[in-house]
Amino acid sequence: YIIARLLYEMVKPEVLLWDDIEAHLNPRMLVRLSGWFSDIVANGKQVIVATHSIEALKILAEANPEAASILLTSLKNNILKTKPLSVKEIDSLSEAGIDVRIAEPFLL
């Protein structure tokens, strides 16, 4: 987290890409990170995050709901498929026993 913040301040990119946001971060740090991402977005920049963690996804999406977009993605035969989802839709699917992380063949 600290190294990412330092690098961001040095480079000031228009787009921040972060894969596996949940790796080596506890939920408390994810909350802090979501606040930083909200500040970046408020300054007209983009933040793109990839995760397999539903918990991380919810923390990030709920920190800035008006700016957050959740996309379920699948790459098969060199064709990228996407489906926009809301936290509410993910919760509804979960309550029905469907894990969106492994259900993309049925959802896309």
PDB file of N, CA and C in Angstrom:
ATOM      1  N   TYR A   1       0.823  -1.188   0.000  1.00  0.00           N
ATOM      2  CA  TYR A   1       0.000   0.000   0.000  1.00  0.00           C
ATOM      3  C   TYR A   1       0.873   1.261   0.000  1.00  0.00           C
ATOM      4  N   ILE A   2       1.836   1.296   0.875  1.00  0.00           N
ATOM      5  CA  ILE A   2       2.700   2.475   0.965  1.00  0.00           C
ATOM      6  C   ILE A   2       3.505   2.659  -0.309  1.00  0.00           C
ATOM      7  N   ILE A   3       4.053   1.574  -0.830  1.00  0.00           N
ATOM      8  CA  ILE A   3       4.838   1.657  -2.066  1.00  0.00           C
ATOM      9  C   ILE A   3       3.949   2.108  -3.223  1.00  0.00           C
ATOM     10  N   ALA A   4       2.737   1.577  -3.288  1.00  0.00           N
ATOM     11  CA  ALA A   4       1.815   1.984  -4.352  1.00  0.00           C
ATOM     12  C   ALA A   4       1.496   3.471  -4.260  1.00  0.00           C
ATOM     13  N   ARG A   5       1.290   3.960  -3.057  1.00  0.00           N
ATOM     14  CA  ARG A   5       1.001   5.395  -2.893  1.00  0.00           C
ATOM     15  C   ARG A   5       2.189   6.255  -3.293  1.00  0.00           C
ATOM     16  N   LEU A   6       3.383   5.820  -2.893  1.00  0.00           N
ATOM     17  CA  LEU A   6       4.580   6.573  -3.271  1.00  0.00           C
ATOM     18  C   LEU A   6       4.767   6.601  -4.783  1.00  0.00           C
ATOM     19  N   LEU A   7       4.624   5.443  -5.418  1.00  0.00           N
ATOM     20  CA  LEU A   7       4.769   5.381  -6.873  1.00  0.00           C
ATOM     21  C   LEU A   7       3.708   6.222  -7.574  1.00  0.00           C
ATOM     22  N   TYR A   8       2.494   6.171  -7.064  1.00  0.00           N
ATOM     23  CA  TYR A   8       1.420   6.965  -7.658  1.00  0.00           C
ATOM     24  C   TYR A   8       1.754   8.458  -7.580  1.00  0.00           C
ATOM     25  N   GLU A   9       2.231   8.902  -6.440  1.00  0.00           N
ATOM     26  CA  GLU A   9       2.573  10.321  -6.275  1.00  0.00           C
ATOM     27  C   GLU A   9       3.742  10.738  -7.170  1.00  0.00           C
ATOM     28  N   MET A  10       4.660   9.818  -7.408  1.00  0.00           N
ATOM     29  CA  MET A  10       5.813  10.133  -8.273  1.00  0.00           C
ATOM     30  C   MET A  10       5.396  10.230  -9.740  1.00  0.00           C
ATOM     31  N   VAL A  11       4.533   9.322 -10.195  1.00  0.00           N
ATOM     32  CA  VAL A  11       4.192   9.225 -11.613  1.00  0.00           C
ATOM     33  C   VAL A  11       2.927  10.009 -11.969  1.00  0.00           C
ATOM     34  N   LYS A  12       1.971  10.058 -11.069  1.00  0.00           N
ATOM     35  CA  LYS A  12       0.678  10.722 -11.280  1.00  0.00           C
ATOM     36  C   LYS A  12      -0.003  10.228 -12.567  1.00  0.00           C
ATOM     37  N   PRO A  13      -0.264   8.933 -12.659  1.00  0.00           N
ATOM     38  CA  PRO A  13      -0.875   8.404 -13.883  1.00  0.00           C
ATOM     39  C   PRO A  13      -2.340   8.801 -14.007  1.00  0.00           C
ATOM     40  N   GLU A  14      -2.860   8.747 -15.219  1.00  0.00           N
ATOM     41  CA  GLU A  14      -4.277   9.011 -15.460  1.00  0.00           C
ATOM     42  C   GLU A  14      -5.133   7.815 -15.042  1.00  0.00           C
ATOM     43  N   VAL A  15      -4.524   6.612 -15.114  1.00  0.00           N
ATOM     44  CA  VAL A  15      -5.230   5.381 -14.774  1.00  0.00           C
ATOM     45  C   VAL A  15      -4.359   4.568 -13.820  1.00  0.00           C
ATOM     46  N   LEU A  16      -4.949   4.131 -12.713  1.00  0.00           N
ATOM     47  CA  LEU A  16      -4.262   3.248 -11.772  1.00  0.00           C
ATOM     48  C   LEU A  16      -4.845   1.853 -11.929  1.00  0.00           C
ATOM     49  N   LEU A  17      -4.008   0.886 -12.271  1.00  0.00           N
ATOM     50  CA  LEU A  17      -4.423  -0.509 -12.415  1.00  0.00           C
ATOM     51  C   LEU A  17      -3.870  -1.303 -11.247  1.00  0.00           C
ATOM     52  N   TRP A  18      -4.727  -2.135 -10.625  1.00  0.00           N
ATOM     53  CA  TRP A  18      -4.277  -2.930  -9.483  1.00  0.00           C
ATOM     54  C   TRP A  18      -4.922  -4.301  -9.579  1.00  0.00           C
ATOM     55  N   ASP A  19      -4.111  -5.329  -9.716  1.00  0.00           N
ATOM     56  CA  ASP A  19      -4.599  -6.703  -9.806  1.00  0.00           C
ATOM     57  C   ASP A  19      -4.508  -7.371  -8.442  1.00  0.00           C
ATOM     58  N   ASP A  20      -5.477  -8.205  -8.129  1.00  0.00           N
ATOM     59  CA  ASP A  20      -5.543  -8.921  -6.852  1.00  0.00           C
ATOM     60  C   ASP A  20      -5.395  -7.969  -5.663  1.00  0.00           C
ATOM     61  N   ILE A  21      -6.292  -7.014  -5.618  1.00  0.00           N
ATOM     62  CA  ILE A  21      -6.247  -5.967  -4.597  1.00  0.00           C
ATOM     63  C   ILE A  21      -6.229  -6.523  -3.186  1.00  0.00           C
ATOM     64  N   GLU A  22      -6.814  -7.702  -3.000  1.00  0.00           N
ATOM     65  CA  GLU A  22      -6.924  -8.262  -1.650  1.00  0.00           C
ATOM     66  C   GLU A  22      -5.651  -8.949  -1.172  1.00  0.00           C
ATOM     67  N   ALA A  23      -4.694  -9.175  -2.073  1.00  0.00           N
ATOM     68  CA  ALA A  23      -3.471  -9.895  -1.701  1.00  0.00           C
ATOM     69  C   ALA A  23      -2.691  -9.125  -0.639  1.00  0.00           C
ATOM     70  N   HIS A  24      -2.473  -9.760   0.474  1.00  0.00           N
ATOM     71  CA  HIS A  24      -1.659  -9.248   1.581  1.00  0.00           C
ATOM     72  C   HIS A  24      -2.243  -8.003   2.252  1.00  0.00           C
ATOM     73  N   LEU A  25      -3.548  -7.782   2.088  1.00  0.00           N
ATOM     74  CA  LEU A  25      -4.185  -6.651   2.761  1.00  0.00           C
ATOM     75  C   LEU A  25      -5.310  -7.167   3.649  1.00  0.00           C
ATOM     76  N   ASN A  26      -5.391  -6.621   4.847  1.00  0.00           N
ATOM     77  CA  ASN A  26      -6.503  -6.990   5.713  1.00  0.00           C
ATOM     78  C   ASN A  26      -7.698  -6.079   5.408  1.00  0.00           C
ATOM     79  N   PRO A  27      -8.905  -6.434   5.854  1.00  0.00           N
ATOM     80  CA  PRO A  27     -10.086  -5.620   5.546  1.00  0.00           C
ATOM     81  C   PRO A  27      -9.966  -4.165   5.989  1.00  0.00           C
ATOM     82  N   ARG A  28      -9.298  -3.918   7.082  1.00  0.00           N
ATOM     83  CA  ARG A  28      -9.119  -2.535   7.542  1.00  0.00           C
ATOM     84  C   ARG A  28      -8.308  -1.722   6.530  1.00  0.00           C
ATOM     85  N   MET A  29      -7.271  -2.342   5.966  1.00  0.00           N
ATOM     86  CA  MET A  29      -6.454  -1.652   4.967  1.00  0.00           C
ATOM     87  C   MET A  29      -7.239  -1.466   3.667  1.00  0.00           C
ATOM     88  N   LEU A  30      -8.110  -2.424   3.341  1.00  0.00           N
ATOM     89  CA  LEU A  30      -8.950  -2.268   2.154  1.00  0.00           C
ATOM     90  C   LEU A  30      -9.868  -1.055   2.283  1.00  0.00           C
ATOM     91  N   VAL A  31     -10.368  -0.808   3.484  1.00  0.00           N
ATOM     92  CA  VAL A  31     -11.211   0.367   3.715  1.00  0.00           C
ATOM     93  C   VAL A  31     -10.396   1.636   3.484  1.00  0.00           C
ATOM     94  N   ARG A  32      -9.189   1.663   4.005  1.00  0.00           N
ATOM     95  CA  ARG A  32      -8.315   2.828   3.803  1.00  0.00           C
ATOM     96  C   ARG A  32      -7.988   3.005   2.319  1.00  0.00           C
ATOM     97  N   LEU A  33      -7.708   1.899   1.646  1.00  0.00           N
ATOM     98  CA  LEU A  33      -7.397   1.925   0.221  1.00  0.00           C
ATOM     99  C   LEU A  33      -8.590   2.433  -0.583  1.00  0.00           C
ATOM    100  N   SER A  34      -9.793   2.018  -0.203  1.00  0.00           N
ATOM    101  CA  SER A  34     -10.981   2.474  -0.915  1.00  0.00           C
ATOM    102  C   SER A  34     -11.153   3.990  -0.783  1.00  0.00           C
ATOM    103  N   GLY A  35     -10.796   4.533   0.368  1.00  0.00           N
ATOM    104  CA  GLY A  35     -10.835   5.984   0.541  1.00  0.00           C
ATOM    105  C   GLY A  35      -9.851   6.689  -0.378  1.00  0.00           C
ATOM    106  N   TRP A  36      -8.663   6.120  -0.495  1.00  0.00           N
ATOM    107  CA  TRP A  36      -7.649   6.692  -1.394  1.00  0.00           C
ATOM    108  C   TRP A  36      -8.142   6.623  -2.833  1.00  0.00           C
ATOM    109  N   PHE A  37      -8.715   5.481  -3.226  1.00  0.00           N
ATOM    110  CA  PHE A  37      -9.242   5.348  -4.587  1.00  0.00           C
ATOM    111  C   PHE A  37     -10.338   6.380  -4.843  1.00  0.00           C
ATOM    112  N   SER A  38     -11.190   6.626  -3.859  1.00  0.00           N
ATOM    113  CA  SER A  38     -12.243   7.633  -4.004  1.00  0.00           C
ATOM    114  C   SER A  38     -11.642   9.012  -4.246  1.00  0.00           C
ATOM    115  N   ASP A  39     -10.559   9.322  -3.553  1.00  0.00           N
ATOM    116  CA  ASP A  39      -9.875  10.602  -3.757  1.00  0.00           C
ATOM    117  C   ASP A  39      -9.309  10.702  -5.174  1.00  0.00           C
ATOM    118  N   ILE A  40      -8.744   9.614  -5.665  1.00  0.00           N
ATOM    119  CA  ILE A  40      -8.180   9.599  -7.017  1.00  0.00           C
ATOM    120  C   ILE A  40      -9.291   9.855  -8.042  1.00  0.00           C
ATOM    121  N   VAL A  41     -10.413   9.158  -7.877  1.00  0.00           N
ATOM    122  CA  VAL A  41     -11.541   9.313  -8.802  1.00  0.00           C
ATOM    123  C   VAL A  41     -12.111  10.726  -8.723  1.00  0.00           C
ATOM    124  N   ALA A  42     -12.181  11.281  -7.523  1.00  0.00           N
ATOM    125  CA  ALA A  42     -12.683  12.651  -7.352  1.00  0.00           C
ATOM    126  C   ALA A  42     -11.805  13.668  -8.074  1.00  0.00           C
ATOM    127  N   ASN A  43     -10.545  13.323  -8.309  1.00  0.00           N
ATOM    128  CA  ASN A  43      -9.619  14.199  -9.024  1.00  0.00           C
ATOM    129  C   ASN A  43      -9.597  13.913 -10.521  1.00  0.00           C
ATOM    130  N   GLY A  44     -10.601  13.180 -11.015  1.00  0.00           N
ATOM    131  CA  GLY A  44     -10.741  12.970 -12.453  1.00  0.00           C
ATOM    132  C   GLY A  44      -9.904  11.843 -13.037  1.00  0.00           C
ATOM    133  N   LYS A  45      -9.333  11.014 -12.207  1.00  0.00           N
ATOM    134  CA  LYS A  45      -8.524   9.888 -12.680  1.00  0.00           C
ATOM    135  C   LYS A  45      -9.363   8.607 -12.618  1.00  0.00           C
ATOM    136  N   GLN A  46      -8.840   7.533 -13.204  1.00  0.00           N
ATOM    137  CA  GLN A  46      -9.527   6.248 -13.172  1.00  0.00           C
ATOM    138  C   GLN A  46      -8.754   5.253 -12.335  1.00  0.00           C
ATOM    139  N   VAL A  47      -9.491   4.398 -11.657  1.00  0.00           N
ATOM    140  CA  VAL A  47      -8.908   3.289 -10.906  1.00  0.00           C
ATOM    141  C   VAL A  47      -9.583   2.016 -11.409  1.00  0.00           C
ATOM    142  N   ILE A  48      -8.780   1.063 -11.857  1.00  0.00           N
ATOM    143  CA  ILE A  48      -9.289  -0.220 -12.325  1.00  0.00           C
ATOM    144  C   ILE A  48      -8.672  -1.296 -11.453  1.00  0.00           C
ATOM    145  N   VAL A  49      -9.545  -2.093 -10.839  1.00  0.00           N
ATOM    146  CA  VAL A  49      -9.116  -3.105  -9.881  1.00  0.00           C
ATOM    147  C   VAL A  49      -9.638  -4.467 -10.319  1.00  0.00           C
ATOM    148  N   ALA A  50      -8.803  -5.479 -10.217  1.00  0.00           N
ATOM    149  CA  ALA A  50      -9.224  -6.860 -10.444  1.00  0.00           C
ATOM    150  C   ALA A  50      -9.151  -7.595  -9.112  1.00  0.00           C
ATOM    151  N   THR A  51     -10.169  -8.417  -8.856  1.00  0.00           N
ATOM    152  CA  THR A  51     -10.184  -9.167  -7.605  1.00  0.00           C
ATOM    153  C   THR A  51     -11.008 -10.441  -7.760  1.00  0.00           C
ATOM    154  N   HIS A  52     -10.706 -11.414  -6.925  1.00  0.00           N
ATOM    155  CA  HIS A  52     -11.514 -12.621  -6.823  1.00  0.00           C
ATOM    156  C   HIS A  52     -12.242 -12.636  -5.481  1.00  0.00           C
ATOM    157  N   SER A  53     -12.090 -11.570  -4.726  1.00  0.00           N
ATOM    158  CA  SER A  53     -12.658 -11.487  -3.385  1.00  0.00           C
ATOM    159  C   SER A  53     -13.959 -10.689  -3.404  1.00  0.00           C
ATOM    160  N   ILE A  54     -15.047 -11.358  -3.048  1.00  0.00           N
ATOM    161  CA  ILE A  54     -16.338 -10.671  -2.960  1.00  0.00           C
ATOM    162  C   ILE A  54     -16.288  -9.612  -1.861  1.00  0.00           C
ATOM    163  N   GLU A  55     -15.619  -9.917  -0.765  1.00  0.00           N
ATOM    164  CA  GLU A  55     -15.494  -8.953   0.333  1.00  0.00           C
ATOM    165  C   GLU A  55     -14.773  -7.683  -0.127  1.00  0.00           C
ATOM    166  N   ALA A  56     -13.657  -7.842  -0.824  1.00  0.00           N
ATOM    167  CA  ALA A  56     -12.909  -6.684  -1.322  1.00  0.00           C
ATOM    168  C   ALA A  56     -13.758  -5.893  -2.317  1.00  0.00           C
ATOM    169  N   LEU A  57     -14.455  -6.603  -3.182  1.00  0.00           N
ATOM    170  CA  LEU A  57     -15.306  -5.950  -4.172  1.00  0.00           C
ATOM    171  C   LEU A  57     -16.358  -5.076  -3.498  1.00  0.00           C
ATOM    172  N   LYS A  58     -17.000  -5.613  -2.466  1.00  0.00           N
ATOM    173  CA  LYS A  58     -18.034  -4.855  -1.763  1.00  0.00           C
ATOM    174  C   LYS A  58     -17.460  -3.632  -1.058  1.00  0.00           C
ATOM    175  N   ILE A  59     -16.325  -3.802  -0.404  1.00  0.00           N
ATOM    176  CA  ILE A  59     -15.703  -2.675   0.295  1.00  0.00           C
ATOM    177  C   ILE A  59     -15.388  -1.559  -0.687  1.00  0.00           C
ATOM    178  N   LEU A  60     -14.791  -1.904  -1.828  1.00  0.00           N
ATOM    179  CA  LEU A  60     -14.414  -0.896  -2.811  1.00  0.00           C
ATOM    180  C   LEU A  60     -15.636  -0.261  -3.471  1.00  0.00           C
ATOM    181  N   ALA A  61     -16.614  -1.074  -3.859  1.00  0.00           N
ATOM    182  CA  ALA A  61     -17.795  -0.547  -4.547  1.00  0.00           C
ATOM    183  C   ALA A  61     -18.650   0.319  -3.632  1.00  0.00           C
ATOM    184  N   GLU A  62     -18.764  -0.058  -2.376  1.00  0.00           N
ATOM    185  CA  GLU A  62     -19.617   0.691  -1.458  1.00  0.00           C
ATOM    186  C   GLU A  62     -18.954   1.976  -0.968  1.00  0.00           C
ATOM    187  N   ALA A  63     -17.647   2.096  -1.135  1.00  0.00           N
ATOM    188  CA  ALA A  63     -16.950   3.318  -0.721  1.00  0.00           C
ATOM    189  C   ALA A  63     -17.276   4.482  -1.652  1.00  0.00           C
ATOM    190  N   ASN A  64     -17.568   4.175  -2.896  1.00  0.00           N
ATOM    191  CA  ASN A  64     -17.852   5.223  -3.873  1.00  0.00           C
ATOM    192  C   ASN A  64     -18.884   4.694  -4.872  1.00  0.00           C
ATOM    193  N   PRO A  65     -20.125   4.465  -4.421  1.00  0.00           N
ATOM    194  CA  PRO A  65     -21.115   3.786  -5.264  1.00  0.00           C
ATOM    195  C   PRO A  65     -21.451   4.502  -6.571  1.00  0.00           C
ATOM    196  N   GLU A  66     -21.400   5.821  -6.582  1.00  0.00           N
ATOM    197  CA  GLU A  66     -21.748   6.537  -7.809  1.00  0.00           C
ATOM    198  C   GLU A  66     -20.666   6.423  -8.884  1.00  0.00           C
ATOM    199  N   ALA A  67     -19.461   6.101  -8.494  1.00  0.00           N
ATOM    200  CA  ALA A  67     -18.371   5.990  -9.467  1.00  0.00           C
ATOM    201  C   ALA A  67     -17.966   4.544  -9.753  1.00  0.00           C
ATOM    202  N   ALA A  68     -18.438   3.613  -8.926  1.00  0.00           N
ATOM    203  CA  ALA A  68     -17.997   2.223  -9.064  1.00  0.00           C
ATOM    204  C   ALA A  68     -18.779   1.491 -10.155  1.00  0.00           C
ATOM    205  N   SER A  69     -18.054   0.720 -10.935  1.00  0.00           N
ATOM    206  CA  SER A  69     -18.641  -0.180 -11.923  1.00  0.00           C
ATOM    207  C   SER A  69     -18.057  -1.556 -11.669  1.00  0.00           C
ATOM    208  N   ILE A  70     -18.917  -2.555 -11.572  1.00  0.00           N
ATOM    209  CA  ILE A  70     -18.466  -3.924 -11.368  1.00  0.00           C
ATOM    210  C   ILE A  70     -18.728  -4.682 -12.660  1.00  0.00           C
ATOM    211  N   LEU A  71     -17.694  -5.316 -13.188  1.00  0.00           N
ATOM    212  CA  LEU A  71     -17.837  -6.105 -14.408  1.00  0.00           C
ATOM    213  C   LEU A  71     -17.384  -7.529 -14.157  1.00  0.00           C
ATOM    214  N   LEU A  72     -18.260  -8.468 -14.413  1.00  0.00           N
ATOM    215  CA  LEU A  72     -17.886  -9.876 -14.434  1.00  0.00           C
ATOM    216  C   LEU A  72     -17.281 -10.117 -15.807  1.00  0.00           C
ATOM    217  N   THR A  73     -16.120 -10.739 -15.856  1.00  0.00           N
ATOM    218  CA  THR A  73     -15.450 -10.939 -17.142  1.00  0.00           C
ATOM    219  C   THR A  73     -15.122 -12.406 -17.383  1.00  0.00           C
ATOM    220  N   SER A  74     -15.047 -12.737 -18.661  1.00  0.00           N
ATOM    221  CA  SER A  74     -14.652 -14.078 -19.064  1.00  0.00           C
ATOM    222  C   SER A  74     -13.935 -13.974 -20.397  1.00  0.00           C
ATOM    223  N   LEU A  75     -12.843 -14.694 -20.517  1.00  0.00           N
ATOM    224  CA  LEU A  75     -12.101 -14.732 -21.777  1.00  0.00           C
ATOM    225  C   LEU A  75     -12.091 -16.167 -22.268  1.00  0.00           C
ATOM    226  N   LYS A  76     -12.745 -16.392 -23.387  1.00  0.00           N
ATOM    227  CA  LYS A  76     -12.816 -17.730 -23.957  1.00  0.00           C
ATOM    228  C   LYS A  76     -12.619 -17.630 -25.463  1.00  0.00           C
ATOM    229  N   ASN A  77     -11.695 -18.432 -25.976  1.00  0.00           N
ATOM    230  CA  ASN A  77     -11.383 -18.416 -27.406  1.00  0.00           C
ATOM    231  C   ASN A  77     -11.032 -17.010 -27.887  1.00  0.00           C
ATOM    232  N   ASN A  78     -10.267 -16.296 -27.061  1.00  0.00           N
ATOM    233  CA  ASN A  78      -9.823 -14.937 -27.364  1.00  0.00           C
ATOM    234  C   ASN A  78     -10.965 -13.927 -27.496  1.00  0.00           C
ATOM    235  N   ILE A  79     -12.105 -14.237 -26.923  1.00  0.00           N
ATOM    236  CA  ILE A  79     -13.240 -13.317 -26.923  1.00  0.00           C
ATOM    237  C   ILE A  79     -13.527 -12.922 -25.478  1.00  0.00           C
ATOM    238  N   LEU A  80     -13.471 -11.624 -25.223  1.00  0.00           N
ATOM    239  CA  LEU A  80     -13.748 -11.104 -23.886  1.00  0.00           C
ATOM    240  C   LEU A  80     -15.236 -10.815 -23.768  1.00  0.00           C
ATOM    241  N   LYS A  81     -15.852 -11.414 -22.765  1.00  0.00           N
ATOM    242  CA  LYS A  81     -17.251 -11.155 -22.467  1.00  0.00           C
ATOM    243  C   LYS A  81     -17.325 -10.452 -21.121  1.00  0.00           C
ATOM    244  N   THR A  82     -18.243  -9.508 -21.014  1.00  0.00           N
ATOM    245  CA  THR A  82     -18.418  -8.781 -19.753  1.00  0.00           C
ATOM    246  C   THR A  82     -19.899  -8.658 -19.422  1.00  0.00           C
ATOM    247  N   LYS A  83     -20.173  -8.538 -18.146  1.00  0.00           N
ATOM    248  CA  LYS A  83     -21.536  -8.300 -17.676  1.00  0.00           C
ATOM    249  C   LYS A  83     -21.464  -7.355 -16.486  1.00  0.00           C
ATOM    250  N   PRO A  84     -22.105  -6.202 -16.594  1.00  0.00           N
ATOM    251  CA  PRO A  84     -22.148  -5.303 -15.440  1.00  0.00           C
ATOM    252  C   PRO A  84     -23.034  -5.895 -14.350  1.00  0.00           C
ATOM    253  N   LEU A  85     -22.582  -5.776 -13.115  1.00  0.00           N
ATOM    254  CA  LEU A  85     -23.337  -6.248 -11.960  1.00  0.00           C
ATOM    255  C   LEU A  85     -23.302  -5.187 -10.869  1.00  0.00           C
ATOM    256  N   SER A  86     -24.319  -5.184 -10.049  1.00  0.00           N
ATOM    257  CA  SER A  86     -24.326  -4.316  -8.869  1.00  0.00           C
ATOM    258  C   SER A  86     -24.048  -5.178  -7.641  1.00  0.00           C
ATOM    259  N   VAL A  87     -23.706  -4.536  -6.552  1.00  0.00           N
ATOM    260  CA  VAL A  87     -23.506  -5.266  -5.298  1.00  0.00           C
ATOM    261  C   VAL A  87     -24.804  -5.975  -4.918  1.00  0.00           C
ATOM    262  N   LYS A  88     -25.919  -5.320  -5.149  1.00  0.00           N
ATOM    263  CA  LYS A  88     -27.227  -5.921  -4.834  1.00  0.00           C
ATOM    264  C   LYS A  88     -27.445  -7.191  -5.651  1.00  0.00           C
ATOM    265  N   GLU A  89     -27.098  -7.173  -6.935  1.00  0.00           N
ATOM    266  CA  GLU A  89     -27.248  -8.364  -7.776  1.00  0.00           C
ATOM    267  C   GLU A  89     -26.328  -9.489  -7.301  1.00  0.00           C
ATOM    268  N   ILE A  90     -25.113  -9.143  -6.926  1.00  0.00           N
ATOM    269  CA  ILE A  90     -24.163 -10.141  -6.431  1.00  0.00           C
ATOM    270  C   ILE A  90     -24.690 -10.766  -5.144  1.00  0.00           C
ATOM    271  N   ASP A  91     -25.245  -9.932  -4.259  1.00  0.00           N
ATOM    272  CA  ASP A  91     -25.834 -10.442  -3.013  1.00  0.00           C
ATOM    273  C   ASP A  91     -27.028 -11.359  -3.305  1.00  0.00           C
ATOM    274  N   SER A  92     -27.872 -10.971  -4.249  1.00  0.00           N
ATOM    275  CA  SER A  92     -29.037 -11.790  -4.605  1.00  0.00           C
ATOM    276  C   SER A  92     -28.611 -13.135  -5.167  1.00  0.00           C
ATOM    277  N   LEU A  93     -27.613 -13.130  -6.036  1.00  0.00           N
ATOM    278  CA  LEU A  93     -27.102 -14.389  -6.588  1.00  0.00           C
ATOM    279  C   LEU A  93     -26.510 -15.257  -5.480  1.00  0.00           C
ATOM    280  N   SER A  94     -25.777 -14.632  -4.569  1.00  0.00           N
ATOM    281  CA  SER A  94     -25.177 -15.358  -3.457  1.00  0.00           C
ATOM    282  C   SER A  94     -26.253 -15.996  -2.570  1.00  0.00           C
ATOM    283  N   GLU A  95     -27.308 -15.248  -2.293  1.00  0.00           N
ATOM    284  CA  GLU A  95     -28.418 -15.778  -1.488  1.00  0.00           C
ATOM    285  C   GLU A  95     -29.086 -16.959  -2.174  1.00  0.00           C
ATOM    286  N   ALA A  96     -29.031 -16.986  -3.514  1.00  0.00           N
ATOM    287  CA  ALA A  96     -29.606 -18.096  -4.284  1.00  0.00           C
ATOM    288  C   ALA A  96     -28.615 -19.255  -4.416  1.00  0.00           C
ATOM    289  N   GLY A  97     -27.441 -19.111  -3.790  1.00  0.00           N
ATOM    290  CA  GLY A  97     -26.442 -20.174  -3.834  1.00  0.00           C
ATOM    291  C   GLY A  97     -25.531 -20.124  -5.048  1.00  0.00           C
ATOM    292  N   ILE A  98     -25.491 -18.962  -5.730  1.00  0.00           N
ATOM    293  CA  ILE A  98     -24.672 -18.814  -6.937  1.00  0.00           C
ATOM    294  C   ILE A  98     -23.476 -17.933  -6.632  1.00  0.00           C
ATOM    295  N   ASP A  99     -22.293 -18.470  -6.827  1.00  0.00           N
ATOM    296  CA  ASP A  99     -21.052 -17.717  -6.644  1.00  0.00           C
ATOM    297  C   ASP A  99     -20.658 -17.135  -8.005  1.00  0.00           C
ATOM    298  N   VAL A 100     -20.711 -15.826  -8.134  1.00  0.00           N
ATOM    299  CA  VAL A 100     -20.453 -15.192  -9.440  1.00  0.00           C
ATOM    300  C   VAL A 100     -19.047 -15.461  -9.952  1.00  0.00           C
ATOM    301  N   ARG A 101     -18.125 -15.797  -9.063  1.00  0.00           N
ATOM    302  CA  ARG A 101     -16.745 -16.044  -9.484  1.00  0.00           C
ATOM    303  C   ARG A 101     -16.612 -17.316 -10.309  1.00  0.00           C
ATOM    304  N   ILE A 102     -17.525 -18.255 -10.121  1.00  0.00           N
ATOM    305  CA  ILE A 102     -17.438 -19.496 -10.886  1.00  0.00           C
ATOM    306  C   ILE A 102     -18.654 -19.721 -11.784  1.00  0.00           C
ATOM    307  N   ALA A 103     -19.586 -18.790 -11.771  1.00  0.00           N
ATOM    308  CA  ALA A 103     -20.819 -18.953 -12.544  1.00  0.00           C
ATOM    309  C   ALA A 103     -20.801 -18.176 -13.849  1.00  0.00           C
ATOM    310  N   GLU A 104     -19.658 -17.627 -14.228  1.00  0.00           N
ATOM    311  CA  GLU A 104     -19.653 -16.792 -15.423  1.00  0.00           C
ATOM    312  C   GLU A 104     -20.071 -17.529 -16.685  1.00  0.00           C
ATOM    313  N   PRO A 105     -19.881 -18.856 -16.823  1.00  0.00           N
ATOM    314  CA  PRO A 105     -20.412 -19.511 -18.032  1.00  0.00           C
ATOM    315  C   PRO A 105     -21.933 -19.417 -18.137  1.00  0.00           C
ATOM    316  N   PHE A 106     -22.614 -19.297 -16.999  1.00  0.00           N
ATOM    317  CA  PHE A 106     -24.067 -19.217 -16.999  1.00  0.00           C
ATOM    318  C   PHE A 106     -24.568 -17.773 -17.028  1.00  0.00           C
ATOM    319  N   LEU A 107     -23.742 -16.858 -16.532  1.00  0.00           N
ATOM    320  CA  LEU A 107     -24.167 -15.457 -16.426  1.00  0.00           C
ATOM    321  C   LEU A 107     -23.791 -14.626 -17.646  1.00  0.00           C
ATOM    322  N   LEU A 108     -22.802 -15.086 -18.408  1.00  0.00           N
ATOM    323  CA  LEU A 108     -22.356 -14.308 -19.580  1.00  0.00           C
ATOM    324  C   LEU A 108     -22.882 -14.898 -20.860  1.00  0.00           C
TER     325      LEU A 108
END
